[in-house]
Amino acid sequence: MKPLNQLLLVPTLGAVSLLHSAHAAIIYNASTSNSGIVGNAVNLTSNSFTGTTGALTVTTDASGNNNASGIASNDDINTLKGSALLATDTVTMKMIVTNTTGVNNLRANGIEFGMSPNGTGFRPAENLIFQIDADNDDSGMAIDNFYDPDLTLNVAGWAVTEASLADGFTVTLVADSDGFTFTLFDIEEVGNLSNTTLSYSNTFTGSQFVDNFGGGHMYYTRQGTAGEVDVNISEFSIDVTPIPEPSAAGLLGLSGLALILRRRR
């Protein structure tokens, strides 16, 4: 007769593995049919959104007078998910810019990415937006946020080279009921060019996550100095990961474990 601990080993591991598996669901992957142009640029002579999922191009000459334009998801997260966002969910927004061609000098509003309360306009209220704004020849960073509307967080004086932004970059926003993290990849930090990743995190309280993200749209804009720019985007997506729940197989493993224990009594 095998020792009891050997008998329990397989069902126990199987149950644990299955009980702790969670599956991220991609609820949005941008296309020209599920996304649209946003911004407040009043002097645009060219403003288009073309291509297919995985190979999208935003063409704009948004510049001057606080003007910027870009794209946003047509629908909010609750609609895209097909049900209300839960406090146990984790939301990940991701944008990959392969490159930017044309006049690449950024103006003060620079590049903005994150969550907005609607799919129109420029930097609407009740947002959580990561701003990579122009600072002379470099780009500083700030957070515009909903959880303290009177506060704009200047992120530790970071600055990245505009050349590294033009060559392509990745930015993510990961959020759950505890808080959020913005991460900027594939860039060069001014004064430390070997540092290619910058990250910033902060916390939420109460129901701020569910209240704001459930009705939120994925959002991106850009403001340059002058001239037409093509921003080529290989990914602009949202996924939602629920907290793991017991699967049928996992419950079966636990049932087997309970049966073995009962027989040993």
Protein backbone atom coordinates (compact mmCIF):
# COMPACT_ATOMS: atom_id res chain seq x y z
CA MET A 1 0.00 0.00 0.00
CA LYS A 2 1.38 3.43 -0.97
CA PRO A 3 1.72 6.03 1.77
CA LEU A 4 -1.19 8.44 1.98
CA ASN A 5 0.91 11.43 0.88
CA GLN A 6 1.80 9.66 -2.39
CA LEU A 7 -1.81 8.89 -3.09
CA LEU A 8 -2.74 12.52 -2.54
CA LEU A 9 0.02 14.02 -4.68
CA VAL A 10 -1.54 13.88 -8.15
CA PRO A 11 -5.07 15.04 -7.37
CA THR A 12 -3.77 17.78 -5.09
CA LEU A 13 -1.45 19.26 -7.72
CA GLY A 14 -4.11 18.93 -10.40
CA ALA A 15 -6.68 20.71 -8.28
CA VAL A 16 -4.30 23.52 -7.35
CA SER A 17 -3.21 24.03 -10.94
CA LEU A 18 -6.71 24.13 -12.30
CA LEU A 19 -8.08 26.29 -9.52
CA HIS A 20 -5.44 28.95 -10.12
CA SER A 21 -5.68 29.29 -13.89
CA ALA A 22 -7.11 32.54 -15.22
CA HIS A 23 -7.64 33.40 -18.86
CA ALA A 24 -7.22 36.91 -20.21
CA ALA A 25 -9.91 37.80 -22.74
CA ILE A 26 -9.01 40.28 -25.47
CA ILE A 27 -12.20 42.32 -25.64
CA TYR A 28 -10.91 44.95 -28.08
CA ASN A 29 -8.32 44.97 -30.85
CA ALA A 30 -8.49 48.20 -32.84
CA SER A 31 -9.72 48.35 -36.42
CA THR A 32 -11.18 51.14 -38.54
CA SER A 33 -14.66 49.81 -37.78
CA ASN A 34 -14.48 49.66 -33.96
CA SER A 35 -12.41 52.81 -33.43
CA GLY A 36 -12.51 56.42 -34.58
CA ILE A 37 -10.58 59.66 -34.83
CA VAL A 38 -10.60 61.84 -31.70
CA GLY A 39 -9.14 65.24 -30.91
CA ASN A 40 -9.74 68.97 -30.87
CA ALA A 41 -7.55 70.00 -33.80
CA VAL A 42 -9.37 72.75 -35.66
CA ASN A 43 -6.72 73.40 -38.30
CA LEU A 44 -6.36 69.88 -39.70
CA THR A 45 -5.82 69.57 -43.44
CA SER A 46 -5.29 65.82 -43.27
CA ASN A 47 -6.86 63.52 -40.72
CA SER A 48 -7.38 59.84 -41.48
CA PHE A 49 -7.38 56.39 -39.91
CA THR A 50 -6.59 53.55 -42.30
CA GLY A 51 -5.34 49.97 -42.50
CA THR A 52 -6.31 46.73 -40.81
CA THR A 53 -5.89 45.28 -37.31
CA GLY A 54 -2.18 44.87 -36.70
CA ALA A 55 -1.23 47.41 -39.37
CA LEU A 56 -3.06 50.68 -38.68
CA THR A 57 -2.00 54.21 -39.62
CA VAL A 58 -3.21 57.47 -38.09
CA THR A 59 -2.39 60.41 -40.37
CA THR A 60 -2.67 63.90 -38.95
CA ASP A 61 -1.09 67.35 -38.97
CA ALA A 62 -2.50 68.32 -35.57
CA SER A 63 -0.32 71.14 -34.32
CA GLY A 64 -0.46 74.46 -32.50
CA ASN A 65 -3.16 76.10 -30.41
CA ASN A 66 -3.44 73.15 -28.03
CA ASN A 67 -4.61 70.94 -30.89
CA ALA A 68 -4.10 67.18 -30.89
CA SER A 69 -5.72 64.19 -32.53
CA GLY A 70 -5.60 60.41 -32.48
CA ILE A 71 -7.93 57.43 -32.03
CA ALA A 72 -10.17 55.90 -29.38
CA SER A 73 -12.35 52.82 -29.04
CA ASN A 74 -15.95 53.43 -30.10
CA ASP A 75 -17.31 51.44 -27.14
CA ASP A 76 -16.52 51.45 -23.45
CA ILE A 77 -15.14 48.48 -21.53
CA ASN A 78 -18.50 47.35 -20.14
CA THR A 79 -19.93 47.19 -23.66
CA LEU A 80 -16.86 45.49 -25.11
CA LYS A 81 -16.83 42.94 -22.30
CA GLY A 82 -20.54 42.25 -22.63
CA SER A 83 -21.07 42.68 -18.89
CA ALA A 84 -20.18 45.08 -16.11
CA LEU A 85 -16.54 45.34 -15.08
CA LEU A 86 -15.97 43.67 -11.70
CA ALA A 87 -13.73 44.73 -8.84
CA THR A 88 -11.98 41.37 -9.23
CA ASP A 89 -11.06 42.05 -12.88
CA THR A 90 -7.73 43.31 -14.18
CA VAL A 91 -7.71 45.57 -17.25
CA THR A 92 -4.68 45.83 -19.55
CA MET A 93 -4.53 48.47 -22.30
CA LYS A 94 -1.62 48.17 -24.74
CA MET A 95 -0.41 50.25 -27.68
CA ILE A 96 2.55 49.39 -29.91
CA VAL A 97 3.73 52.13 -32.27
CA THR A 98 6.08 50.63 -34.85
CA ASN A 99 7.28 54.03 -36.06
CA THR A 100 6.26 57.60 -36.81
CA THR A 101 7.13 59.21 -40.14
CA GLY A 102 7.00 62.87 -41.10
CA VAL A 103 7.67 65.88 -38.87
CA ASN A 104 8.34 64.31 -35.48
CA ASN A 105 8.83 67.33 -33.20
CA LEU A 106 6.29 67.25 -30.37
CA ARG A 107 4.50 70.26 -28.91
CA ALA A 108 3.54 70.71 -25.27
CA ASN A 109 0.74 68.11 -25.22
CA GLY A 110 2.96 65.49 -26.86
CA ILE A 111 1.67 61.93 -26.86
CA GLU A 112 -1.21 60.92 -24.60
CA PHE A 113 -2.40 57.39 -23.88
CA GLY A 114 -4.81 55.77 -21.46
CA MET A 115 -8.45 55.67 -20.42
CA SER A 116 -11.00 58.38 -21.22
CA PRO A 117 -14.73 58.53 -20.39
CA ASN A 118 -15.80 58.85 -24.03
CA GLY A 119 -14.62 58.17 -27.55
CA THR A 120 -14.54 61.81 -28.64
CA GLY A 121 -12.69 65.00 -27.83
CA PHE A 122 -9.25 65.77 -26.47
CA ARG A 123 -8.26 64.85 -22.92
CA PRO A 124 -11.82 64.73 -21.57
CA ALA A 125 -12.49 65.04 -17.85
CA GLU A 126 -12.63 61.93 -15.63
CA ASN A 127 -9.65 60.31 -17.33
CA LEU A 128 -6.50 58.41 -16.49
CA ILE A 129 -4.04 59.48 -19.17
CA PHE A 130 -0.28 59.11 -19.42
CA GLN A 131 1.14 62.22 -21.09
CA ILE A 132 4.56 62.25 -22.73
CA ASP A 133 4.81 65.98 -23.30
CA ALA A 134 7.44 68.02 -25.12
CA ASP A 135 10.16 69.64 -23.04
CA ASN A 136 12.48 71.49 -25.42
CA ASP A 137 14.03 68.71 -27.52
CA ASP A 138 12.98 65.95 -25.14
CA SER A 139 9.71 64.64 -23.75
CA GLY A 140 8.73 64.84 -20.11
CA MET A 141 5.94 62.77 -18.54
CA ALA A 142 2.88 63.45 -16.45
CA ILE A 143 -0.33 61.74 -15.36
CA ASP A 144 -3.76 63.37 -15.76
CA ASN A 145 -6.13 61.45 -13.54
CA PHE A 146 -9.67 61.09 -12.24
CA TYR A 147 -8.98 59.98 -8.69
CA ASP A 148 -7.74 63.45 -7.73
CA PRO A 149 -9.07 65.83 -10.43
CA ASP A 150 -7.09 68.79 -9.08
CA LEU A 151 -3.79 66.94 -9.31
CA THR A 152 -1.52 66.43 -12.29
CA LEU A 153 1.32 64.14 -11.33
CA ASN A 154 4.67 65.06 -12.78
CA VAL A 155 6.42 61.74 -12.96
CA ALA A 156 9.77 62.06 -11.22
CA GLY A 157 11.20 64.45 -13.80
CA TRP A 158 11.61 61.70 -16.39
CA ALA A 159 12.36 62.66 -19.96
CA VAL A 160 12.74 60.52 -23.08
CA THR A 161 14.34 61.35 -26.41
CA GLU A 162 11.92 62.22 -29.20
CA ALA A 163 14.04 60.18 -31.61
CA SER A 164 13.31 57.04 -29.59
CA LEU A 165 9.59 57.78 -29.70
CA ALA A 166 9.75 58.25 -33.48
CA ASP A 167 11.52 54.88 -33.86
CA GLY A 168 8.63 53.13 -32.16
CA PHE A 169 7.60 52.37 -28.59
CA THR A 170 5.17 50.34 -26.50
CA VAL A 171 3.02 51.71 -23.70
CA THR A 172 0.72 49.78 -21.35
CA LEU A 173 -1.78 50.67 -18.66
CA VAL A 174 -2.59 47.85 -16.23
CA ALA A 175 -5.28 48.53 -13.62
CA ASP A 176 -7.30 46.72 -11.00
CA SER A 177 -9.15 47.70 -7.84
CA ASP A 178 -5.88 48.30 -6.00
CA GLY A 179 -4.36 50.75 -8.47
CA PHE A 180 -2.64 51.19 -11.82
CA THR A 181 0.73 50.98 -13.54
CA PHE A 182 1.79 52.79 -16.71
CA THR A 183 4.88 51.36 -18.42
CA LEU A 184 6.71 52.82 -21.40
CA PHE A 185 9.00 50.42 -23.29
CA ASP A 186 11.56 50.70 -26.08
CA ILE A 187 12.59 54.30 -25.42
CA GLU A 188 15.75 56.10 -24.35
CA GLU A 189 15.73 58.06 -21.12
CA VAL A 190 17.46 61.44 -21.36
CA GLY A 191 20.70 61.31 -19.41
CA ASN A 192 20.59 57.50 -19.24
CA LEU A 193 20.17 56.21 -22.79
CA SER A 194 20.69 52.59 -21.74
CA ASN A 195 17.45 52.75 -19.71
CA THR A 196 14.76 51.68 -22.18
CA THR A 197 11.81 51.20 -19.79
CA LEU A 198 10.04 53.65 -17.50
CA SER A 199 7.19 52.75 -15.16
CA TYR A 200 4.87 54.58 -12.78
CA SER A 201 2.29 53.19 -10.33
CA ASN A 202 -0.29 54.60 -7.95
CA THR A 203 -3.28 53.39 -5.95
CA PHE A 204 -7.07 53.54 -6.10
CA THR A 205 -9.47 53.74 -3.19
CA GLY A 206 -13.04 52.54 -2.84
CA SER A 207 -14.75 51.85 -6.16
CA GLN A 208 -12.68 54.23 -8.30
CA PHE A 209 -11.50 51.42 -10.58
CA VAL A 210 -14.95 50.01 -11.40
CA ASP A 211 -16.67 53.41 -11.50
CA ASN A 212 -14.23 54.88 -14.00
CA PHE A 213 -12.84 52.00 -16.05
CA GLY A 214 -16.16 50.26 -16.71
CA GLY A 215 -17.34 53.25 -18.71
CA GLY A 216 -13.88 54.00 -20.08
CA HIS A 217 -12.61 54.07 -23.66
CA MET A 218 -9.05 53.38 -24.78
CA TYR A 219 -7.55 56.67 -25.96
CA TYR A 220 -4.49 58.02 -27.81
CA THR A 221 -3.63 61.45 -29.24
CA ARG A 222 -0.55 63.24 -30.55
CA GLN A 223 0.34 66.91 -30.98
CA GLY A 224 3.25 68.00 -33.16
CA THR A 225 4.78 71.29 -34.20
CA ALA A 226 3.67 71.39 -37.85
CA GLY A 227 3.42 69.15 -40.87
CA GLU A 228 1.78 65.82 -41.64
CA VAL A 229 2.69 62.76 -39.58
CA ASP A 230 1.90 59.06 -40.05
CA VAL A 231 1.73 57.06 -36.82
CA ASN A 232 1.92 53.33 -37.61
CA ILE A 233 0.31 51.14 -34.94
CA SER A 234 0.66 47.34 -34.75
CA GLU A 235 -1.44 46.91 -31.59
CA PHE A 236 -4.10 48.95 -29.82
CA SER A 237 -5.92 46.55 -27.54
CA ILE A 238 -7.72 45.90 -24.26
CA ASP A 239 -7.88 42.63 -22.37
CA VAL A 240 -9.68 41.80 -19.15
CA THR A 241 -8.46 39.06 -16.81
CA PRO A 242 -10.95 37.82 -14.19
CA ILE A 243 -9.88 36.43 -10.85
CA PRO A 244 -9.49 32.63 -11.13
CA GLU A 245 -12.61 30.61 -10.41
CA PRO A 246 -12.85 26.85 -9.77
CA SER A 247 -13.16 24.93 -13.03
CA ALA A 248 -15.16 21.74 -13.43
CA ALA A 249 -11.92 19.74 -13.67
CA GLY A 250 -10.54 21.48 -10.60
CA LEU A 251 -13.65 20.68 -8.59
CA LEU A 252 -13.43 17.08 -9.78
CA GLY A 253 -9.86 16.92 -8.46
CA LEU A 254 -11.00 18.20 -5.08
CA SER A 255 -13.83 15.66 -5.06
CA GLY A 256 -11.31 12.89 -5.67
CA LEU A 257 -9.15 14.18 -2.85
CA ALA A 258 -12.13 14.22 -0.49
CA LEU A 259 -13.03 10.66 -1.49
CA ILE A 260 -9.50 9.39 -0.75
CA LEU A 261 -9.50 11.06 2.65
CA ARG A 262 -12.88 9.57 3.45
CA ARG A 263 -11.75 6.06 2.54
CA ARG A 264 -8.67 6.37 4.75
CA ARG A 265 -10.70 7.13 7.85
